[in-house]
Amino acid sequence: MAAEAIVCDVNLPDGNGIDFYAASAAELPACRWVLMSGAHDAARIDGLSAGKGLPRCTIVEKPMSLRILNGALNRI
């Protein structure tokens, strides 16, 4: 699977975006990751990426505008 960017909500009806990032990011090292949540846990995500050598992940709070999303994608 090839992807330039993955934008994922943290709280999903059938899972958790943080778990998805932790399980998938190592397989997609060049992919840009943006996780979004109304009540995000930045410390947990930062700990995952630092501890396992995963690609950097940007966290944005919902609601967000397209301007914020664009900025998040361009920061990575």
Protein backbone atom coordinates (compact mmCIF):
# COMPACT_ATOMS: atom_id res chain seq x y z
CA MET A 1 0.00 0.00 0.00
CA ALA A 2 1.32 3.45 -0.89
CA ALA A 3 -0.04 6.63 0.60
CA GLU A 4 1.18 10.21 0.69
CA ALA A 5 -0.91 11.13 3.72
CA ILE A 6 -3.37 9.56 6.10
CA VAL A 7 -5.85 11.71 7.98
CA CYS A 8 -7.65 9.74 10.65
CA ASP A 9 -9.99 10.49 13.53
CA VAL A 10 -8.84 9.21 16.92
CA ASN A 11 -12.26 7.99 18.05
CA LEU A 12 -13.66 5.64 15.44
CA PRO A 13 -16.82 3.54 15.80
CA ASP A 14 -14.87 0.35 15.10
CA GLY A 15 -11.45 1.16 16.54
CA ASN A 16 -8.98 3.80 17.57
CA GLY A 17 -6.94 6.05 15.28
CA ILE A 18 -3.97 6.00 17.66
CA ASP A 19 -3.89 2.20 17.52
CA PHE A 20 -4.21 2.34 13.71
CA TYR A 21 -1.26 4.75 13.56
CA ALA A 22 0.83 2.57 15.90
CA ALA A 23 0.11 -0.58 13.90
CA SER A 24 0.48 0.89 10.41
CA ALA A 25 2.99 3.75 10.50
CA ALA A 26 6.12 1.58 10.45
CA GLU A 27 4.95 0.05 7.16
CA LEU A 28 4.48 3.52 5.64
CA PRO A 29 7.62 5.47 6.63
CA ALA A 30 7.23 8.14 3.93
CA CYS A 31 3.56 8.75 4.68
CA ARG A 32 2.42 11.92 6.46
CA TRP A 33 0.06 11.24 9.36
CA VAL A 34 -2.55 13.60 10.79
CA LEU A 35 -4.71 12.43 13.68
CA MET A 36 -7.68 14.55 14.65
CA SER A 37 -9.78 14.52 17.77
CA GLY A 38 -12.00 16.67 19.92
CA ALA A 39 -10.11 15.41 22.98
CA HIS A 40 -6.73 14.26 21.69
CA ASP A 41 -3.92 12.76 23.70
CA ALA A 42 -0.81 14.37 22.23
CA ALA A 43 1.54 12.92 24.88
CA ARG A 44 0.47 9.36 24.07
CA ILE A 45 0.95 9.86 20.32
CA ASP A 46 4.32 11.59 20.78
CA GLY A 47 5.43 8.72 23.02
CA LEU A 48 4.46 6.16 20.40
CA SER A 49 6.32 7.86 17.57
CA ALA A 50 9.44 8.49 19.65
CA GLY A 51 9.57 5.07 21.30
CA LYS A 52 9.11 2.99 18.17
CA GLY A 53 10.80 5.17 15.59
CA LEU A 54 7.51 5.73 13.79
CA PRO A 55 7.02 8.58 11.30
CA ARG A 56 6.06 11.91 12.80
CA CYS A 57 2.39 12.47 13.39
CA THR A 58 0.61 15.80 13.67
CA ILE A 59 -2.38 16.09 15.99
CA VAL A 60 -5.16 18.58 15.30
CA GLU A 61 -8.21 19.39 17.36
CA LYS A 62 -11.69 19.20 15.89
CA PRO A 63 -13.46 21.06 14.61
CA MET A 64 -10.86 22.18 12.14
CA SER A 65 -10.91 24.18 8.96
CA LEU A 66 -9.35 23.13 5.66
CA ARG A 67 -6.75 25.80 6.31
CA ILE A 68 -5.68 24.04 9.52
CA LEU A 69 -5.64 20.65 7.80
CA ASN A 70 -3.53 22.04 4.96
CA GLY A 71 -1.13 23.55 7.47
CA ALA A 72 -0.87 20.24 9.34
CA LEU A 73 -0.09 18.36 6.13
CA ASN A 74 2.56 20.88 5.14
CA ARG A 75 4.27 20.87 8.57
CA ILE A 76 5.13 17.21 8.42
